[in-house]
Amino acid sequence: MELPHGVQGGRARSPRVAAILVFPRASPALVRAHLRPGARVVAIDAGADVLRAVGAVPDLIVGDLDSVSPETLGHYQSLGVPVERHPSAKRDTDAALALRRVADEEEIAFLGPGGGRPDHALANLHLLAAASLRARVRAVDDDGITEVVTPERELQLGLPEGTLLSAIPFDARVEGITYDGMQYPLVEATMVAGDPYGVSNLTGPPPQRIRVRKGRLLVMLPA
């Protein structure tokens, strides 16, 4: 999925992505569309196969390496790409280990975290929300984009009028939710887990803006 024009997180921040995590289920088309010059690219296990398919070279390959092809691994090792191999029996997921390697970056994109097993997709969503406490983060899949709005990082959008958008609380309680430029506006509203009334809103004329006073709000833009 291509990033909608004008999507930016944070207050007056650049849309530049400093680090990109490529997940094993990312499609080549998705990765090709979202690679950015100068960004640190970390392949999560078989994410290296996806990068090889599009002719890109990662800065690092991380994981237990149970799914990446031996040919791809050998190819990148011959190019001098660092490989961080972990045992299969471990506490952290491969994605969690990869995220630690970009802990110093302020802007991180997850490419393809939602594909495959639903437990992996949910675990990756938790990693995204955790990372949002220190960085501007975004998850991009072929079927949609997920942004995280925090008190420190509002979301500014420039979407066409009538674009479908959903907001779902990640924390048990999210307070001070305010929408500007939405068909169904909110002012200092509260959302609690288990009451997903923020699903299927529509944008009004651009620009749009979403901010919160407390908690983390997931904003999802279906493809």
C-alpha atoms as a PDB file:
ATOM      1  CA  MET A   1       0.000   0.000   0.000  1.00  0.00           C
ATOM      2  CA  GLU A   2       1.303   3.437  -0.898  1.00  0.00           C
ATOM      3  CA  LEU A   3       1.422   5.986   1.899  1.00  0.00           C
ATOM      4  CA  PRO A   4      -1.431   8.493   1.422  1.00  0.00           C
ATOM      5  CA  HIS A   5      -0.285  11.930   0.413  1.00  0.00           C
ATOM      6  CA  GLY A   6       0.254  14.242   3.337  1.00  0.00           C
ATOM      7  CA  VAL A   7       0.385  11.651   6.135  1.00  0.00           C
ATOM      8  CA  GLN A   8       2.691  12.969   8.831  1.00  0.00           C
ATOM      9  CA  GLY A   9       3.077  12.187  12.511  1.00  0.00           C
ATOM     10  CA  GLY A  10       4.315  14.493  15.234  1.00  0.00           C
ATOM     11  CA  ARG A  11       4.367  18.235  15.541  1.00  0.00           C
ATOM     12  CA  ALA A  12       5.846  19.905  12.468  1.00  0.00           C
ATOM     13  CA  ARG A  13       8.063  16.866  11.830  1.00  0.00           C
ATOM     14  CA  SER A  14       9.618  15.704   8.603  1.00  0.00           C
ATOM     15  CA  PRO A  15       8.053  12.674   6.854  1.00  0.00           C
ATOM     16  CA  ARG A  16      11.563  11.201   6.531  1.00  0.00           C
ATOM     17  CA  VAL A  17      11.838   7.617   7.770  1.00  0.00           C
ATOM     18  CA  ALA A  18      15.111   6.960   9.592  1.00  0.00           C
ATOM     19  CA  ALA A  19      14.779   3.195  10.024  1.00  0.00           C
ATOM     20  CA  ILE A  20      12.847   0.482   8.189  1.00  0.00           C
ATOM     21  CA  LEU A  21      12.119  -3.002   9.516  1.00  0.00           C
ATOM     22  CA  VAL A  22      11.284  -5.462   6.732  1.00  0.00           C
ATOM     23  CA  PHE A  23       9.146  -8.350   7.977  1.00  0.00           C
ATOM     24  CA  PRO A  24       9.137 -11.825   6.389  1.00  0.00           C
ATOM     25  CA  ARG A  25       5.585 -11.437   5.010  1.00  0.00           C
ATOM     26  CA  ALA A  26       6.157  -8.056   3.379  1.00  0.00           C
ATOM     27  CA  SER A  27       5.420  -8.112  -0.328  1.00  0.00           C
ATOM     28  CA  PRO A  28       8.125  -7.034  -2.789  1.00  0.00           C
ATOM     29  CA  ALA A  29       5.811  -4.312  -4.138  1.00  0.00           C
ATOM     30  CA  LEU A  30       5.296  -2.910  -0.632  1.00  0.00           C
ATOM     31  CA  VAL A  31       9.006  -2.854   0.128  1.00  0.00           C
ATOM     32  CA  ARG A  32       9.861  -1.328  -3.241  1.00  0.00           C
ATOM     33  CA  ALA A  33       7.351   1.465  -2.644  1.00  0.00           C
ATOM     34  CA  HIS A  34       8.564   2.364   0.837  1.00  0.00           C
ATOM     35  CA  LEU A  35      12.334   2.021   0.817  1.00  0.00           C
ATOM     36  CA  ARG A  36      13.895   5.428   1.376  1.00  0.00           C
ATOM     37  CA  PRO A  37      17.441   6.583   0.541  1.00  0.00           C
ATOM     38  CA  GLY A  38      19.527   6.985   3.670  1.00  0.00           C
ATOM     39  CA  ALA A  39      17.263   4.924   5.922  1.00  0.00           C
ATOM     40  CA  ARG A  40      18.695   2.111   8.026  1.00  0.00           C
ATOM     41  CA  VAL A  41      17.164  -1.121   6.747  1.00  0.00           C
ATOM     42  CA  VAL A  42      16.940  -4.151   9.018  1.00  0.00           C
ATOM     43  CA  ALA A  43      15.745  -7.457   7.582  1.00  0.00           C
ATOM     44  CA  ILE A  44      13.845  -9.654  10.013  1.00  0.00           C
ATOM     45  CA  ASP A  45      14.762 -13.222   9.078  1.00  0.00           C
ATOM     46  CA  ALA A  46      13.097 -13.967   5.702  1.00  0.00           C
ATOM     47  CA  GLY A  47      12.604 -10.246   5.212  1.00  0.00           C
ATOM     48  CA  ALA A  48      16.048 -10.595   3.660  1.00  0.00           C
ATOM     49  CA  ASP A  49      14.520 -12.702   0.857  1.00  0.00           C
ATOM     50  CA  VAL A  50      12.076  -9.883   0.114  1.00  0.00           C
ATOM     51  CA  LEU A  51      14.877  -7.328  -0.033  1.00  0.00           C
ATOM     52  CA  ARG A  52      16.882  -9.535  -2.361  1.00  0.00           C
ATOM     53  CA  ALA A  53      13.841  -9.867  -4.619  1.00  0.00           C
ATOM     54  CA  VAL A  54      13.739  -6.079  -5.066  1.00  0.00           C
ATOM     55  CA  GLY A  55      17.509  -5.724  -5.419  1.00  0.00           C
ATOM     56  CA  ALA A  56      18.078  -3.935  -2.099  1.00  0.00           C
ATOM     57  CA  VAL A  57      20.801  -4.526   0.479  1.00  0.00           C
ATOM     58  CA  PRO A  58      19.953  -4.412   4.199  1.00  0.00           C
ATOM     59  CA  ASP A  59      22.216  -2.891   6.816  1.00  0.00           C
ATOM     60  CA  LEU A  60      21.592  -5.861   9.108  1.00  0.00           C
ATOM     61  CA  ILE A  61      19.819  -9.227   9.169  1.00  0.00           C
ATOM     62  CA  VAL A  62      18.360 -10.284  12.531  1.00  0.00           C
ATOM     63  CA  GLY A  63      16.573 -13.397  13.749  1.00  0.00           C
ATOM     64  CA  ASP A  64      16.845 -17.105  14.399  1.00  0.00           C
ATOM     65  CA  LEU A  65      17.146 -17.449  10.613  1.00  0.00           C
ATOM     66  CA  ASP A  66      14.785 -20.390  10.381  1.00  0.00           C
ATOM     67  CA  SER A  67      12.933 -19.022   7.364  1.00  0.00           C
ATOM     68  CA  VAL A  68      15.444 -17.046   5.290  1.00  0.00           C
ATOM     69  CA  SER A  69      16.820 -19.038   2.360  1.00  0.00           C
ATOM     70  CA  PRO A  70      20.450 -20.204   2.613  1.00  0.00           C
ATOM     71  CA  GLU A  71      21.089 -18.685  -0.822  1.00  0.00           C
ATOM     72  CA  THR A  72      19.954 -15.245   0.326  1.00  0.00           C
ATOM     73  CA  LEU A  73      21.929 -15.488   3.534  1.00  0.00           C
ATOM     74  CA  GLY A  74      25.066 -16.484   1.661  1.00  0.00           C
ATOM     75  CA  HIS A  75      24.521 -13.714  -0.898  1.00  0.00           C
ATOM     76  CA  TYR A  76      24.359 -10.993   1.714  1.00  0.00           C
ATOM     77  CA  GLN A  77      27.198 -12.413   3.779  1.00  0.00           C
ATOM     78  CA  SER A  78      29.370 -12.281   0.661  1.00  0.00           C
ATOM     79  CA  LEU A  79      28.527  -8.573   0.467  1.00  0.00           C
ATOM     80  CA  GLY A  80      29.601  -8.052   4.072  1.00  0.00           C
ATOM     81  CA  VAL A  81      26.121  -7.511   5.509  1.00  0.00           C
ATOM     82  CA  PRO A  82      26.198  -8.182   9.287  1.00  0.00           C
ATOM     83  CA  VAL A  83      24.066 -11.129  10.396  1.00  0.00           C
ATOM     84  CA  GLU A  84      22.810 -11.362  13.970  1.00  0.00           C
ATOM     85  CA  ARG A  85      21.758 -14.966  14.559  1.00  0.00           C
ATOM     86  CA  HIS A  86      19.738 -15.911  17.644  1.00  0.00           C
ATOM     87  CA  PRO A  87      18.644 -19.329  18.940  1.00  0.00           C
ATOM     88  CA  SER A  88      15.139 -20.500  18.092  1.00  0.00           C
ATOM     89  CA  ALA A  89      14.364 -20.993  21.793  1.00  0.00           C
ATOM     90  CA  LYS A  90      14.452 -17.408  23.037  1.00  0.00           C
ATOM     91  CA  ARG A  91      12.382 -14.934  25.030  1.00  0.00           C
ATOM     92  CA  ASP A  92      11.989 -12.249  22.357  1.00  0.00           C
ATOM     93  CA  THR A  93      10.509 -12.446  18.888  1.00  0.00           C
ATOM     94  CA  ASP A  94      12.730 -11.731  15.914  1.00  0.00           C
ATOM     95  CA  ALA A  95      10.878  -8.430  15.436  1.00  0.00           C
ATOM     96  CA  ALA A  96      11.552  -7.371  19.023  1.00  0.00           C
ATOM     97  CA  LEU A  97      15.247  -8.102  18.569  1.00  0.00           C
ATOM     98  CA  ALA A  98      15.327  -6.104  15.334  1.00  0.00           C
ATOM     99  CA  LEU A  99      13.535  -3.170  16.940  1.00  0.00           C
ATOM    100  CA  ARG A 100      16.259  -2.946  19.578  1.00  0.00           C
ATOM    101  CA  ARG A 101      18.820  -2.370  16.848  1.00  0.00           C
ATOM    102  CA  VAL A 102      17.103   0.874  15.816  1.00  0.00           C
ATOM    103  CA  ALA A 103      16.301   2.068  19.341  1.00  0.00           C
ATOM    104  CA  ASP A 104      18.186   5.308  18.738  1.00  0.00           C
ATOM    105  CA  GLU A 105      16.103   6.314  15.713  1.00  0.00           C
ATOM    106  CA  GLU A 106      13.260   8.824  15.949  1.00  0.00           C
ATOM    107  CA  GLU A 107      11.241   7.562  12.965  1.00  0.00           C
ATOM    108  CA  ILE A 108      10.623   3.878  12.275  1.00  0.00           C
ATOM    109  CA  ALA A 109       8.538   2.116   9.640  1.00  0.00           C
ATOM    110  CA  PHE A 110       7.369  -1.499   9.952  1.00  0.00           C
ATOM    111  CA  LEU A 111       6.858  -3.023   6.495  1.00  0.00           C
ATOM    112  CA  GLY A 112       4.611  -6.080   6.366  1.00  0.00           C
ATOM    113  CA  PRO A 113       4.099  -6.755  10.100  1.00  0.00           C
ATOM    114  CA  GLY A 114       0.466  -7.854   9.723  1.00  0.00           C
ATOM    115  CA  GLY A 115       0.885 -10.771   7.345  1.00  0.00           C
ATOM    116  CA  GLY A 116       0.731 -14.414   8.308  1.00  0.00           C
ATOM    117  CA  ARG A 117      -0.248 -15.624  11.775  1.00  0.00           C
ATOM    118  CA  PRO A 118      -2.687 -13.480  13.781  1.00  0.00           C
ATOM    119  CA  ASP A 119      -0.657 -13.924  16.971  1.00  0.00           C
ATOM    120  CA  HIS A 120       2.393 -12.501  15.198  1.00  0.00           C
ATOM    121  CA  ALA A 121       0.321  -9.610  13.850  1.00  0.00           C
ATOM    122  CA  LEU A 122      -0.952  -8.770  17.340  1.00  0.00           C
ATOM    123  CA  ALA A 123       2.531  -9.086  18.850  1.00  0.00           C
ATOM    124  CA  ASN A 124       3.899  -6.722  16.198  1.00  0.00           C
ATOM    125  CA  LEU A 125       1.139  -4.225  16.953  1.00  0.00           C
ATOM    126  CA  HIS A 126       2.253  -4.266  20.586  1.00  0.00           C
ATOM    127  CA  LEU A 127       5.842  -3.621  19.478  1.00  0.00           C
ATOM    128  CA  LEU A 128       4.626  -0.708  17.372  1.00  0.00           C
ATOM    129  CA  ALA A 129       2.746   0.802  20.312  1.00  0.00           C
ATOM    130  CA  ALA A 130       5.709   0.321  22.641  1.00  0.00           C
ATOM    131  CA  ALA A 131       8.056   1.995  20.177  1.00  0.00           C
ATOM    132  CA  SER A 132       5.658   4.946  19.874  1.00  0.00           C
ATOM    133  CA  LEU A 133       6.671   6.047  23.380  1.00  0.00           C
ATOM    134  CA  ARG A 134      10.064   7.099  22.029  1.00  0.00           C
ATOM    135  CA  ALA A 135       9.683   7.443  18.261  1.00  0.00           C
ATOM    136  CA  ARG A 136       7.276   8.260  15.479  1.00  0.00           C
ATOM    137  CA  VAL A 137       6.224   4.882  14.128  1.00  0.00           C
ATOM    138  CA  ARG A 138       4.104   3.549  11.311  1.00  0.00           C
ATOM    139  CA  ALA A 139       3.108   0.042  10.221  1.00  0.00           C
ATOM    140  CA  VAL A 140       2.464  -0.446   6.511  1.00  0.00           C
ATOM    141  CA  ASP A 141       0.814  -3.523   5.027  1.00  0.00           C
ATOM    142  CA  ASP A 142      -0.740  -4.172   1.638  1.00  0.00           C
ATOM    143  CA  ASP A 143      -4.190  -3.810   3.195  1.00  0.00           C
ATOM    144  CA  GLY A 144      -3.642  -0.675   5.262  1.00  0.00           C
ATOM    145  CA  ILE A 145      -1.539   1.656   7.378  1.00  0.00           C
ATOM    146  CA  THR A 146      -1.481   1.949  11.170  1.00  0.00           C
ATOM    147  CA  GLU A 147      -0.259   5.091  12.922  1.00  0.00           C
ATOM    148  CA  VAL A 148       0.041   5.635  16.675  1.00  0.00           C
ATOM    149  CA  VAL A 149      -1.049   8.941  18.198  1.00  0.00           C
ATOM    150  CA  THR A 150       0.410   9.837  21.600  1.00  0.00           C
ATOM    151  CA  PRO A 151       0.312  13.003  23.726  1.00  0.00           C
ATOM    152  CA  GLU A 152       3.751  13.876  22.341  1.00  0.00           C
ATOM    153  CA  ARG A 153       2.991  13.002  18.712  1.00  0.00           C
ATOM    154  CA  GLU A 154      -0.208  14.125  17.111  1.00  0.00           C
ATOM    155  CA  LEU A 155      -1.152  13.018  13.612  1.00  0.00           C
ATOM    156  CA  GLN A 156      -1.531  15.507  10.785  1.00  0.00           C
ATOM    157  CA  LEU A 157      -3.153  14.314   7.577  1.00  0.00           C
ATOM    158  CA  GLY A 158      -3.840  15.687   4.130  1.00  0.00           C
ATOM    159  CA  LEU A 159      -6.258  13.027   2.907  1.00  0.00           C
ATOM    160  CA  PRO A 160      -8.980  13.505   0.297  1.00  0.00           C
ATOM    161  CA  GLU A 161     -12.446  14.132   1.668  1.00  0.00           C
ATOM    162  CA  GLY A 162     -14.362  10.901   2.269  1.00  0.00           C
ATOM    163  CA  THR A 163     -11.320   8.733   3.096  1.00  0.00           C
ATOM    164  CA  LEU A 164     -12.156   5.908   5.502  1.00  0.00           C
ATOM    165  CA  LEU A 165     -10.297   6.024   8.814  1.00  0.00           C
ATOM    166  CA  SER A 166     -10.656   4.215  12.146  1.00  0.00           C
ATOM    167  CA  ALA A 167      -9.342   5.105  15.607  1.00  0.00           C
ATOM    168  CA  ILE A 168      -9.033   2.400  18.270  1.00  0.00           C
ATOM    169  CA  PRO A 169      -7.604   2.804  21.773  1.00  0.00           C
ATOM    170  CA  PHE A 170      -4.488   0.760  22.435  1.00  0.00           C
ATOM    171  CA  ASP A 171      -4.341   1.497  26.137  1.00  0.00           C
ATOM    172  CA  ALA A 172      -7.237   0.608  28.436  1.00  0.00           C
ATOM    173  CA  ARG A 173      -8.249   4.274  28.460  1.00  0.00           C
ATOM    174  CA  VAL A 174      -7.329   7.082  26.053  1.00  0.00           C
ATOM    175  CA  GLU A 175      -8.369  10.603  27.049  1.00  0.00           C
ATOM    176  CA  GLY A 176      -8.543  14.000  25.427  1.00  0.00           C
ATOM    177  CA  ILE A 177      -9.127  12.685  21.905  1.00  0.00           C
ATOM    178  CA  THR A 178      -9.744  15.565  19.524  1.00  0.00           C
ATOM    179  CA  TYR A 179     -10.363  15.331  15.773  1.00  0.00           C
ATOM    180  CA  ASP A 180     -10.158  18.211  13.339  1.00  0.00           C
ATOM    181  CA  GLY A 181     -11.366  17.783   9.755  1.00  0.00           C
ATOM    182  CA  MET A 182     -13.396  14.615  10.286  1.00  0.00           C
ATOM    183  CA  GLN A 183     -17.014  13.934   9.358  1.00  0.00           C
ATOM    184  CA  TYR A 184     -17.681  12.776  12.914  1.00  0.00           C
ATOM    185  CA  PRO A 185     -15.570  15.107  15.088  1.00  0.00           C
ATOM    186  CA  LEU A 186     -14.519  14.569  18.687  1.00  0.00           C
ATOM    187  CA  VAL A 187     -13.470  17.142  21.288  1.00  0.00           C
ATOM    188  CA  GLU A 188     -11.729  15.984  24.474  1.00  0.00           C
ATOM    189  CA  ALA A 189     -13.381  12.574  24.130  1.00  0.00           C
ATOM    190  CA  THR A 190     -12.470   9.353  25.918  1.00  0.00           C
ATOM    191  CA  MET A 191     -12.204   5.874  24.403  1.00  0.00           C
ATOM    192  CA  VAL A 192     -11.864   2.716  26.457  1.00  0.00           C
ATOM    193  CA  ALA A 193     -10.858  -0.782  25.407  1.00  0.00           C
ATOM    194  CA  GLY A 194     -13.877  -2.834  24.483  1.00  0.00           C
ATOM    195  CA  ASP A 195     -15.904   0.074  23.107  1.00  0.00           C
ATOM    196  CA  PRO A 196     -14.558   0.627  19.569  1.00  0.00           C
ATOM    197  CA  TYR A 197     -16.849   3.477  18.558  1.00  0.00           C
ATOM    198  CA  GLY A 198     -14.046   5.141  16.591  1.00  0.00           C
ATOM    199  CA  VAL A 199     -14.298   2.608  13.757  1.00  0.00           C
ATOM    200  CA  SER A 200     -15.206   3.761  10.212  1.00  0.00           C
ATOM    201  CA  ASN A 201     -15.036   7.522  10.398  1.00  0.00           C
ATOM    202  CA  LEU A 202     -14.634   9.586   7.236  1.00  0.00           C
ATOM    203  CA  THR A 203     -12.380  12.519   6.557  1.00  0.00           C
ATOM    204  CA  GLY A 204     -13.727  15.950   5.770  1.00  0.00           C
ATOM    205  CA  PRO A 205     -11.847  18.397   3.532  1.00  0.00           C
ATOM    206  CA  PRO A 206      -8.084  18.426   4.230  1.00  0.00           C
ATOM    207  CA  PRO A 207      -6.177  19.020   6.361  1.00  0.00           C
ATOM    208  CA  GLN A 208      -7.087  16.678   9.198  1.00  0.00           C
ATOM    209  CA  ARG A 209      -5.595  16.432  12.661  1.00  0.00           C
ATOM    210  CA  ILE A 210      -5.868  13.892  15.502  1.00  0.00           C
ATOM    211  CA  ARG A 211      -4.435  14.408  18.977  1.00  0.00           C
ATOM    212  CA  VAL A 212      -4.759  12.886  22.446  1.00  0.00           C
ATOM    213  CA  ARG A 213      -4.009  14.087  25.963  1.00  0.00           C
ATOM    214  CA  LYS A 214      -3.396  10.696  27.595  1.00  0.00           C
ATOM    215  CA  GLY A 215      -2.799   7.196  26.257  1.00  0.00           C
ATOM    216  CA  ARG A 216      -2.062   5.736  22.840  1.00  0.00           C
ATOM    217  CA  LEU A 217      -4.557   5.764  19.989  1.00  0.00           C
ATOM    218  CA  LEU A 218      -4.208   3.542  16.927  1.00  0.00           C
ATOM    219  CA  VAL A 219      -5.291   5.235  13.722  1.00  0.00           C
ATOM    220  CA  MET A 220      -5.874   2.821  10.858  1.00  0.00           C
ATOM    221  CA  LEU A 221      -6.258   3.674   7.191  1.00  0.00           C
ATOM    222  CA  PRO A 222      -7.557   0.669   5.222  1.00  0.00           C
ATOM    223  CA  ALA A 223      -6.319   0.248   1.665  1.00  0.00           C
END
